[in-house]
Amino acid sequence: MSNFNKKTNISWANRTWNVIAGCEKVSPACKNCYAMFVGNETEKKGVAKYKGLTTIATNGKPVWTGKVNVAKERLFNEPKRWKESSIIFVNSMSDLFYKEVPEELIFKIFDKMMDYNWHKYLVLTKREARMKEVIDKYCDARNINVLPDFIWIGVSVEDNKRAALRLPYLEKARSKVKFVSCEPLLEEVDFSKYPVMDWYIAGGESVEIGYDPNDARPFDVDWARKIRDFCKEKGAAFHMKQIGCNPIGAVKTNFKGDKLEDIPEDLLIREYPN
């Protein structure tokens, strides 16, 4: 992917598009969710969209309140103003299929993606059952068999339990392009047990600058090598995002372990689905 017009530090996207913000923890991967920290800092700056979304827990860290805020109408049409084709992470500050996001709002967001179809939209969720249910309803309502290939649907998989929960739903999702985000990866996951998806992203956990890096759980880079080898064998795309704050088998050069020079040479692969 070209770095032209890159508006996010996320390695696998050009831009983020956040028409909703707010969430709640649902899974072990949520422990150090960067969006909670970013949302808290953004609220301090007086941005209305982030008001009331976080509170400070007893450990002194921000945590979601469970509330969701919706952006002003203008933001719904933001992709229209981006004339150059981009890879857009949809709702990086929430989960599109969080229970507090109304179905009609999800439909509206999908309609905007359909309208502004010169981009690629990446929708990542930890709510696999609602994802399958709502996409089914949307496809039926719009009289389409499957979402077009510029809307990619993915699930987070941080461990084997979440793989077993989420991958069967992703397999059945009415999407032409399906991806798996294994970041933060918390243990070695055997993907050979499951159907092959189009794209796998791997990475270690990091915490926000200013907090204790030891709060990030360890990440063994050999776990990523297993995924890389699986992808090579099965013809799937592999994307190595970062080694995180506490890598095993690699040495970080910065706080988050998110620089290219931190990634072992044999893992320096950042592919995309065809």
C-alpha atoms as a PDB file:
ATOM      1  CA  MET A   1       0.000   0.000   0.000  1.00  0.00           C
ATOM      2  CA  SER A   2       1.275   3.443  -0.851  1.00  0.00           C
ATOM      3  CA  ASN A   3       1.873   5.832   2.033  1.00  0.00           C
ATOM      4  CA  PHE A   4       0.334   8.730   0.080  1.00  0.00           C
ATOM      5  CA  ASN A   5      -2.352  10.596   1.982  1.00  0.00           C
ATOM      6  CA  LYS A   6      -1.814   8.409   5.053  1.00  0.00           C
ATOM      7  CA  LYS A   7      -3.787   9.797   7.976  1.00  0.00           C
ATOM      8  CA  THR A   8      -3.395   7.051  10.577  1.00  0.00           C
ATOM      9  CA  ASN A   9      -0.585   5.228  12.366  1.00  0.00           C
ATOM     10  CA  ILE A  10      -2.345   1.915  11.791  1.00  0.00           C
ATOM     11  CA  SER A  11      -0.044  -0.012   9.457  1.00  0.00           C
ATOM     12  CA  TRP A  12      -2.800  -1.662   7.411  1.00  0.00           C
ATOM     13  CA  ALA A  13      -4.994   1.377   6.673  1.00  0.00           C
ATOM     14  CA  ASN A  14      -4.692   4.817   5.107  1.00  0.00           C
ATOM     15  CA  ARG A  15      -7.497   6.397   7.076  1.00  0.00           C
ATOM     16  CA  THR A  16      -9.999   5.895   9.867  1.00  0.00           C
ATOM     17  CA  TRP A  17     -13.669   6.849   9.663  1.00  0.00           C
ATOM     18  CA  ASN A  18     -15.374   7.223  13.013  1.00  0.00           C
ATOM     19  CA  VAL A  19     -19.037   8.125  12.740  1.00  0.00           C
ATOM     20  CA  ILE A  20     -19.625   6.449  16.088  1.00  0.00           C
ATOM     21  CA  ALA A  21     -17.480   6.316  19.214  1.00  0.00           C
ATOM     22  CA  GLY A  22     -17.796   4.367  22.441  1.00  0.00           C
ATOM     23  CA  CYS A  23     -17.837   0.704  23.404  1.00  0.00           C
ATOM     24  CA  GLU A  24     -17.472  -1.721  26.311  1.00  0.00           C
ATOM     25  CA  LYS A  25     -15.003  -4.493  27.096  1.00  0.00           C
ATOM     26  CA  VAL A  26     -16.078  -7.865  25.773  1.00  0.00           C
ATOM     27  CA  SER A  27     -12.920  -9.965  25.480  1.00  0.00           C
ATOM     28  CA  PRO A  28      -9.362 -10.352  26.886  1.00  0.00           C
ATOM     29  CA  ALA A  29      -7.990  -8.310  23.982  1.00  0.00           C
ATOM     30  CA  CYS A  30      -9.924  -5.298  25.297  1.00  0.00           C
ATOM     31  CA  LYS A  31      -7.795  -4.949  28.439  1.00  0.00           C
ATOM     32  CA  ASN A  32      -5.475  -2.284  27.008  1.00  0.00           C
ATOM     33  CA  CYS A  33      -7.699  -1.042  24.178  1.00  0.00           C
ATOM     34  CA  TYR A  34      -6.026   2.052  22.742  1.00  0.00           C
ATOM     35  CA  ALA A  35      -9.414   3.571  21.880  1.00  0.00           C
ATOM     36  CA  MET A  36     -10.286   3.940  25.574  1.00  0.00           C
ATOM     37  CA  PHE A  37      -7.131   5.964  26.146  1.00  0.00           C
ATOM     38  CA  VAL A  38      -7.530   8.023  22.973  1.00  0.00           C
ATOM     39  CA  GLY A  39     -11.199   8.657  23.729  1.00  0.00           C
ATOM     40  CA  ASN A  40     -10.372   9.855  27.229  1.00  0.00           C
ATOM     41  CA  GLU A  41      -7.661  12.224  26.003  1.00  0.00           C
ATOM     42  CA  THR A  42      -9.882  13.515  23.204  1.00  0.00           C
ATOM     43  CA  GLU A  43     -12.707  14.277  25.632  1.00  0.00           C
ATOM     44  CA  LYS A  44     -10.275  16.351  27.706  1.00  0.00           C
ATOM     45  CA  LYS A  45      -9.746  18.484  24.596  1.00  0.00           C
ATOM     46  CA  GLY A  46     -13.465  19.254  24.504  1.00  0.00           C
ATOM     47  CA  VAL A  47     -14.458  17.135  21.489  1.00  0.00           C
ATOM     48  CA  ALA A  48     -18.208  16.574  21.941  1.00  0.00           C
ATOM     49  CA  LYS A  49     -18.277  13.185  20.204  1.00  0.00           C
ATOM     50  CA  TYR A  50     -16.196  11.702  23.030  1.00  0.00           C
ATOM     51  CA  LYS A  51     -18.062  13.223  25.996  1.00  0.00           C
ATOM     52  CA  GLY A  52     -19.021  10.652  28.617  1.00  0.00           C
ATOM     53  CA  LEU A  53     -17.531   7.670  26.810  1.00  0.00           C
ATOM     54  CA  THR A  54     -14.874   6.844  29.402  1.00  0.00           C
ATOM     55  CA  THR A  55     -14.332   7.033  33.131  1.00  0.00           C
ATOM     56  CA  ILE A  56     -11.266   6.422  35.288  1.00  0.00           C
ATOM     57  CA  ALA A  57     -11.135   2.982  36.880  1.00  0.00           C
ATOM     58  CA  THR A  58      -9.672   2.189  40.307  1.00  0.00           C
ATOM     59  CA  ASN A  59      -6.350   1.352  38.643  1.00  0.00           C
ATOM     60  CA  GLY A  60      -6.140   4.927  37.341  1.00  0.00           C
ATOM     61  CA  LYS A  61      -6.724   3.976  33.702  1.00  0.00           C
ATOM     62  CA  PRO A  62      -9.585   4.992  31.406  1.00  0.00           C
ATOM     63  CA  VAL A  63     -12.321   2.450  30.815  1.00  0.00           C
ATOM     64  CA  TRP A  64     -15.406   2.533  28.596  1.00  0.00           C
ATOM     65  CA  THR A  65     -18.688   3.550  30.215  1.00  0.00           C
ATOM     66  CA  GLY A  66     -20.696   1.619  27.602  1.00  0.00           C
ATOM     67  CA  LYS A  67     -22.150   4.787  26.103  1.00  0.00           C
ATOM     68  CA  VAL A  68     -22.085   5.474  22.352  1.00  0.00           C
ATOM     69  CA  ASN A  69     -22.046   8.878  20.660  1.00  0.00           C
ATOM     70  CA  VAL A  70     -22.840   9.538  17.006  1.00  0.00           C
ATOM     71  CA  ALA A  71     -21.038  12.135  14.898  1.00  0.00           C
ATOM     72  CA  LYS A  72     -22.712  14.998  13.100  1.00  0.00           C
ATOM     73  CA  GLU A  73     -24.197  14.266   9.690  1.00  0.00           C
ATOM     74  CA  ARG A  74     -21.276  15.799   7.815  1.00  0.00           C
ATOM     75  CA  LEU A  75     -18.939  13.042   8.977  1.00  0.00           C
ATOM     76  CA  PHE A  76     -21.131  10.358   7.404  1.00  0.00           C
ATOM     77  CA  ASN A  77     -20.180  11.750   3.993  1.00  0.00           C
ATOM     78  CA  GLU A  78     -16.487  12.158   4.704  1.00  0.00           C
ATOM     79  CA  PRO A  79     -15.385   9.330   2.348  1.00  0.00           C
ATOM     80  CA  LYS A  80     -17.047  11.236  -0.497  1.00  0.00           C
ATOM     81  CA  ARG A  81     -14.581  14.081   0.036  1.00  0.00           C
ATOM     82  CA  TRP A  82     -11.604  11.708  -0.121  1.00  0.00           C
ATOM     83  CA  LYS A  83     -11.087  11.562  -3.864  1.00  0.00           C
ATOM     84  CA  GLU A  84      -8.067   9.258  -3.805  1.00  0.00           C
ATOM     85  CA  SER A  85      -8.873   5.614  -3.181  1.00  0.00           C
ATOM     86  CA  SER A  86      -8.015   4.713   0.407  1.00  0.00           C
ATOM     87  CA  ILE A  87      -8.065   1.700   2.712  1.00  0.00           C
ATOM     88  CA  ILE A  88     -10.374   2.867   5.494  1.00  0.00           C
ATOM     89  CA  PHE A  89     -10.678   1.337   8.949  1.00  0.00           C
ATOM     90  CA  VAL A  90     -14.353   1.829   9.803  1.00  0.00           C
ATOM     91  CA  ASN A  91     -15.028   2.845  13.416  1.00  0.00           C
ATOM     92  CA  SER A  92     -11.610   2.395  14.954  1.00  0.00           C
ATOM     93  CA  MET A  93     -13.059   4.053  18.078  1.00  0.00           C
ATOM     94  CA  SER A  94     -15.900   1.583  18.530  1.00  0.00           C
ATOM     95  CA  ASP A  95     -17.285  -1.710  17.233  1.00  0.00           C
ATOM     96  CA  LEU A  96     -19.865  -1.360  14.483  1.00  0.00           C
ATOM     97  CA  PHE A  97     -21.751  -4.370  15.839  1.00  0.00           C
ATOM     98  CA  TYR A  98     -21.722  -3.328  19.507  1.00  0.00           C
ATOM     99  CA  LYS A  99     -25.204  -3.890  20.956  1.00  0.00           C
ATOM    100  CA  GLU A 100     -25.729  -0.166  21.643  1.00  0.00           C
ATOM    101  CA  VAL A 101     -25.336   0.713  17.942  1.00  0.00           C
ATOM    102  CA  PRO A 102     -28.848   0.655  16.415  1.00  0.00           C
ATOM    103  CA  GLU A 103     -29.403  -1.553  13.400  1.00  0.00           C
ATOM    104  CA  GLU A 104     -30.682   1.356  11.312  1.00  0.00           C
ATOM    105  CA  LEU A 105     -27.442   3.231  12.017  1.00  0.00           C
ATOM    106  CA  ILE A 106     -25.378   0.253  10.881  1.00  0.00           C
ATOM    107  CA  PHE A 107     -27.460   0.094   7.699  1.00  0.00           C
ATOM    108  CA  LYS A 108     -26.823   3.799   7.100  1.00  0.00           C
ATOM    109  CA  ILE A 109     -23.061   3.325   7.442  1.00  0.00           C
ATOM    110  CA  PHE A 110     -23.127   0.381   5.032  1.00  0.00           C
ATOM    111  CA  ASP A 111     -25.160   2.458   2.572  1.00  0.00           C
ATOM    112  CA  LYS A 112     -22.476   5.151   2.647  1.00  0.00           C
ATOM    113  CA  MET A 113     -19.805   2.541   1.925  1.00  0.00           C
ATOM    114  CA  MET A 114     -21.860   1.308  -1.011  1.00  0.00           C
ATOM    115  CA  ASP A 115     -22.248   4.857  -2.328  1.00  0.00           C
ATOM    116  CA  TYR A 116     -18.577   5.835  -2.030  1.00  0.00           C
ATOM    117  CA  ASN A 117     -17.293   2.655  -3.578  1.00  0.00           C
ATOM    118  CA  TRP A 118     -13.879   3.790  -4.820  1.00  0.00           C
ATOM    119  CA  HIS A 119     -12.455   3.044  -1.363  1.00  0.00           C
ATOM    120  CA  LYS A 120     -11.886  -0.219   0.496  1.00  0.00           C
ATOM    121  CA  TYR A 121     -13.613  -0.396   3.890  1.00  0.00           C
ATOM    122  CA  LEU A 122     -12.344  -2.620   6.700  1.00  0.00           C
ATOM    123  CA  VAL A 123     -14.920  -3.510   9.363  1.00  0.00           C
ATOM    124  CA  LEU A 124     -13.425  -5.329  12.366  1.00  0.00           C
ATOM    125  CA  THR A 125     -15.531  -6.757  15.191  1.00  0.00           C
ATOM    126  CA  LYS A 126     -15.480  -8.761  18.391  1.00  0.00           C
ATOM    127  CA  ARG A 127     -19.259  -9.241  18.154  1.00  0.00           C
ATOM    128  CA  GLU A 128     -19.329 -12.116  15.703  1.00  0.00           C
ATOM    129  CA  ALA A 129     -22.937 -13.234  16.205  1.00  0.00           C
ATOM    130  CA  ARG A 130     -24.461  -9.789  15.725  1.00  0.00           C
ATOM    131  CA  MET A 131     -22.149  -9.184  12.773  1.00  0.00           C
ATOM    132  CA  LYS A 132     -23.524 -12.251  10.998  1.00  0.00           C
ATOM    133  CA  GLU A 133     -27.126 -11.384  11.894  1.00  0.00           C
ATOM    134  CA  VAL A 134     -27.001  -7.738  10.809  1.00  0.00           C
ATOM    135  CA  ILE A 135     -25.099  -8.388   7.571  1.00  0.00           C
ATOM    136  CA  ASP A 136     -27.658 -11.050   6.655  1.00  0.00           C
ATOM    137  CA  LYS A 137     -30.452  -8.541   7.243  1.00  0.00           C
ATOM    138  CA  TYR A 138     -28.651  -5.831   5.287  1.00  0.00           C
ATOM    139  CA  CYS A 139     -27.983  -8.039   2.270  1.00  0.00           C
ATOM    140  CA  ASP A 140     -31.602  -9.191   2.232  1.00  0.00           C
ATOM    141  CA  ALA A 141     -32.909  -5.641   2.615  1.00  0.00           C
ATOM    142  CA  ARG A 142     -30.738  -4.371  -0.249  1.00  0.00           C
ATOM    143  CA  ASN A 143     -31.422  -7.440  -2.419  1.00  0.00           C
ATOM    144  CA  ILE A 144     -27.782  -8.518  -2.689  1.00  0.00           C
ATOM    145  CA  ASN A 145     -26.342 -11.970  -2.097  1.00  0.00           C
ATOM    146  CA  VAL A 146     -23.092 -10.820  -0.550  1.00  0.00           C
ATOM    147  CA  LEU A 147     -21.265  -7.615   0.365  1.00  0.00           C
ATOM    148  CA  PRO A 148     -19.100  -6.328  -2.515  1.00  0.00           C
ATOM    149  CA  ASP A 149     -15.358  -6.864  -2.540  1.00  0.00           C
ATOM    150  CA  PHE A 150     -14.581  -3.326  -1.391  1.00  0.00           C
ATOM    151  CA  ILE A 151     -16.137  -4.017   2.031  1.00  0.00           C
ATOM    152  CA  TRP A 152     -13.925  -6.363   4.036  1.00  0.00           C
ATOM    153  CA  ILE A 153     -15.293  -8.023   7.165  1.00  0.00           C
ATOM    154  CA  GLY A 154     -12.974  -9.198   9.937  1.00  0.00           C
ATOM    155  CA  VAL A 155     -12.958 -10.576  13.470  1.00  0.00           C
ATOM    156  CA  SER A 156     -10.423 -10.197  16.259  1.00  0.00           C
ATOM    157  CA  VAL A 157      -8.746 -13.408  17.422  1.00  0.00           C
ATOM    158  CA  GLU A 158      -6.385 -13.073  20.374  1.00  0.00           C
ATOM    159  CA  ASP A 159      -6.405 -16.667  21.591  1.00  0.00           C
ATOM    160  CA  ASN A 160      -7.723 -20.137  20.811  1.00  0.00           C
ATOM    161  CA  LYS A 161     -11.002 -19.622  22.648  1.00  0.00           C
ATOM    162  CA  ARG A 162     -11.811 -16.562  20.558  1.00  0.00           C
ATOM    163  CA  ALA A 163     -10.771 -18.403  17.379  1.00  0.00           C
ATOM    164  CA  ALA A 164     -13.295 -21.130  18.152  1.00  0.00           C
ATOM    165  CA  LEU A 165     -16.007 -18.564  18.908  1.00  0.00           C
ATOM    166  CA  ARG A 166     -15.532 -16.115  16.068  1.00  0.00           C
ATOM    167  CA  LEU A 167     -14.143 -17.893  13.026  1.00  0.00           C
ATOM    168  CA  PRO A 168     -17.252 -20.042  12.368  1.00  0.00           C
ATOM    169  CA  TYR A 169     -19.330 -16.855  12.184  1.00  0.00           C
ATOM    170  CA  LEU A 170     -16.805 -15.167   9.917  1.00  0.00           C
ATOM    171  CA  GLU A 171     -16.793 -18.182   7.622  1.00  0.00           C
ATOM    172  CA  LYS A 172     -20.562 -17.846   7.173  1.00  0.00           C
ATOM    173  CA  ALA A 173     -20.585 -14.054   6.832  1.00  0.00           C
ATOM    174  CA  ARG A 174     -21.905 -12.794   3.500  1.00  0.00           C
ATOM    175  CA  SER A 175     -18.681 -11.041   2.562  1.00  0.00           C
ATOM    176  CA  LYS A 176     -16.360 -11.612  -0.371  1.00  0.00           C
ATOM    177  CA  VAL A 177     -13.250 -10.593   1.580  1.00  0.00           C
ATOM    178  CA  LYS A 178     -12.717 -11.851   5.138  1.00  0.00           C
ATOM    179  CA  PHE A 179      -9.853 -11.107   7.489  1.00  0.00           C
ATOM    180  CA  VAL A 180      -8.568 -11.972  10.946  1.00  0.00           C
ATOM    181  CA  SER A 181      -6.835  -9.512  13.261  1.00  0.00           C
ATOM    182  CA  CYS A 182      -4.557 -11.386  15.689  1.00  0.00           C
ATOM    183  CA  GLU A 183      -3.494  -8.286  17.572  1.00  0.00           C
ATOM    184  CA  PRO A 184      -2.887  -8.327  20.408  1.00  0.00           C
ATOM    185  CA  LEU A 185      -2.019 -12.003  20.003  1.00  0.00           C
ATOM    186  CA  LEU A 186      -1.899 -13.516  23.496  1.00  0.00           C
ATOM    187  CA  GLU A 187      -0.995 -17.127  22.711  1.00  0.00           C
ATOM    188  CA  GLU A 188      -0.163 -19.406  19.801  1.00  0.00           C
ATOM    189  CA  VAL A 189      -3.303 -20.088  17.753  1.00  0.00           C
ATOM    190  CA  ASP A 190      -3.695 -23.091  15.470  1.00  0.00           C
ATOM    191  CA  PHE A 191      -5.563 -21.787  12.437  1.00  0.00           C
ATOM    192  CA  SER A 192      -5.317 -25.107  10.610  1.00  0.00           C
ATOM    193  CA  LYS A 193      -8.471 -26.172  12.489  1.00  0.00           C
ATOM    194  CA  TYR A 194     -10.564 -23.578  10.688  1.00  0.00           C
ATOM    195  CA  PRO A 195     -11.469 -22.528   7.144  1.00  0.00           C
ATOM    196  CA  VAL A 196      -8.905 -20.275   5.480  1.00  0.00           C
ATOM    197  CA  MET A 197      -9.708 -16.568   5.386  1.00  0.00           C
ATOM    198  CA  ASP A 198      -8.270 -14.048   2.924  1.00  0.00           C
ATOM    199  CA  TRP A 199      -5.988 -12.084   5.240  1.00  0.00           C
ATOM    200  CA  TYR A 200      -4.319 -12.447   8.650  1.00  0.00           C
ATOM    201  CA  ILE A 201      -2.854  -9.560  10.658  1.00  0.00           C
ATOM    202  CA  ALA A 202      -0.500 -10.365  13.558  1.00  0.00           C
ATOM    203  CA  GLY A 203       0.949  -8.217  16.296  1.00  0.00           C
ATOM    204  CA  GLY A 204       1.935  -7.897  19.932  1.00  0.00           C
ATOM    205  CA  GLU A 205       0.209  -5.807  22.564  1.00  0.00           C
ATOM    206  CA  SER A 206       1.232  -2.260  23.374  1.00  0.00           C
ATOM    207  CA  VAL A 207       0.043   0.300  25.884  1.00  0.00           C
ATOM    208  CA  GLU A 208      -0.221   4.029  25.429  1.00  0.00           C
ATOM    209  CA  ILE A 209       2.851   6.168  26.071  1.00  0.00           C
ATOM    210  CA  GLY A 210       2.834   7.411  29.656  1.00  0.00           C
ATOM    211  CA  TYR A 211       1.618   4.115  31.082  1.00  0.00           C
ATOM    212  CA  ASP A 212       3.660   1.149  32.319  1.00  0.00           C
ATOM    213  CA  PRO A 213       4.882  -0.888  29.321  1.00  0.00           C
ATOM    214  CA  ASN A 214       4.987  -3.950  31.581  1.00  0.00           C
ATOM    215  CA  ASP A 215       1.180  -3.879  31.573  1.00  0.00           C
ATOM    216  CA  ALA A 216       1.333  -5.159  27.998  1.00  0.00           C
ATOM    217  CA  ARG A 217       1.151  -8.927  27.858  1.00  0.00           C
ATOM    218  CA  PRO A 218       4.077 -10.823  26.287  1.00  0.00           C
ATOM    219  CA  PHE A 219       4.137 -11.596  22.577  1.00  0.00           C
ATOM    220  CA  ASP A 220       6.327 -14.395  21.222  1.00  0.00           C
ATOM    221  CA  VAL A 221       7.257 -13.603  17.628  1.00  0.00           C
ATOM    222  CA  ASP A 222       7.264 -17.342  16.894  1.00  0.00           C
ATOM    223  CA  TRP A 223       3.458 -17.190  17.215  1.00  0.00           C
ATOM    224  CA  ALA A 224       3.472 -14.817  14.256  1.00  0.00           C
ATOM    225  CA  ARG A 225       5.802 -17.127  12.332  1.00  0.00           C
ATOM    226  CA  LYS A 226       3.242 -19.917  12.711  1.00  0.00           C
ATOM    227  CA  ILE A 227       0.590 -17.668  11.167  1.00  0.00           C
ATOM    228  CA  ARG A 228       2.988 -16.546   8.419  1.00  0.00           C
ATOM    229  CA  ASP A 229       3.743 -20.158   7.508  1.00  0.00           C
ATOM    230  CA  PHE A 230       0.044 -21.063   7.577  1.00  0.00           C
ATOM    231  CA  CYS A 231      -0.715 -18.168   5.220  1.00  0.00           C
ATOM    232  CA  LYS A 232       2.057 -19.163   2.838  1.00  0.00           C
ATOM    233  CA  GLU A 233       0.836 -22.750   2.745  1.00  0.00           C
ATOM    234  CA  LYS A 234      -2.800 -21.800   2.212  1.00  0.00           C
ATOM    235  CA  GLY A 235      -2.305 -18.855  -0.139  1.00  0.00           C
ATOM    236  CA  ALA A 236      -3.630 -16.234   2.272  1.00  0.00           C
ATOM    237  CA  ALA A 237      -2.182 -12.743   2.757  1.00  0.00           C
ATOM    238  CA  PHE A 238      -0.110 -12.035   5.880  1.00  0.00           C
ATOM    239  CA  HIS A 239       0.509  -8.667   7.529  1.00  0.00           C
ATOM    240  CA  MET A 240       2.911  -8.232  10.444  1.00  0.00           C
ATOM    241  CA  LYS A 241       1.860  -5.121  12.346  1.00  0.00           C
ATOM    242  CA  GLN A 242       4.164  -4.766  15.368  1.00  0.00           C
ATOM    243  CA  ILE A 243       6.060  -6.683  18.063  1.00  0.00           C
ATOM    244  CA  GLY A 244       4.534  -4.685  20.918  1.00  0.00           C
ATOM    245  CA  CYS A 245       5.840  -3.508  24.271  1.00  0.00           C
ATOM    246  CA  ASN A 246       6.942  -6.931  25.573  1.00  0.00           C
ATOM    247  CA  PRO A 247       8.252  -9.040  22.699  1.00  0.00           C
ATOM    248  CA  ILE A 248       9.837 -12.457  23.118  1.00  0.00           C
ATOM    249  CA  GLY A 249      12.399 -13.314  20.456  1.00  0.00           C
ATOM    250  CA  ALA A 250      12.820  -9.766  19.173  1.00  0.00           C
ATOM    251  CA  VAL A 251      14.163  -6.452  20.449  1.00  0.00           C
ATOM    252  CA  LYS A 252      12.131  -3.256  20.319  1.00  0.00           C
ATOM    253  CA  THR A 253      13.761   0.094  19.566  1.00  0.00           C
ATOM    254  CA  ASN A 254      10.885   2.261  20.805  1.00  0.00           C
ATOM    255  CA  PHE A 255       8.202   2.256  23.490  1.00  0.00           C
ATOM    256  CA  LYS A 256       5.480   0.463  21.522  1.00  0.00           C
ATOM    257  CA  GLY A 257       7.617  -1.826  19.391  1.00  0.00           C
ATOM    258  CA  ASP A 258       5.772  -0.612  16.320  1.00  0.00           C
ATOM    259  CA  LYS A 259       8.622   0.436  14.029  1.00  0.00           C
ATOM    260  CA  LEU A 260       9.616  -1.489  10.932  1.00  0.00           C
ATOM    261  CA  GLU A 261      13.150  -1.902  12.268  1.00  0.00           C
ATOM    262  CA  ASP A 262      11.743  -3.735  15.314  1.00  0.00           C
ATOM    263  CA  ILE A 263      10.240  -6.547  13.246  1.00  0.00           C
ATOM    264  CA  PRO A 264      12.558  -9.518  12.567  1.00  0.00           C
ATOM    265  CA  GLU A 265      13.573  -9.559   8.912  1.00  0.00           C
ATOM    266  CA  ASP A 266      11.843 -12.848   8.133  1.00  0.00           C
ATOM    267  CA  LEU A 267       8.568 -11.417   9.480  1.00  0.00           C
ATOM    268  CA  LEU A 268       8.778  -8.119   7.663  1.00  0.00           C
ATOM    269  CA  ILE A 269       5.791  -8.963   5.469  1.00  0.00           C
ATOM    270  CA  ARG A 270       2.869  -6.624   4.909  1.00  0.00           C
ATOM    271  CA  GLU A 271       0.659  -8.195   2.279  1.00  0.00           C
ATOM    272  CA  TYR A 272      -2.948  -7.441   1.334  1.00  0.00           C
ATOM    273  CA  PRO A 273      -5.625  -9.683  -0.144  1.00  0.00           C
ATOM    274  CA  ASN A 274      -5.787  -9.776  -3.924  1.00  0.00           C
END
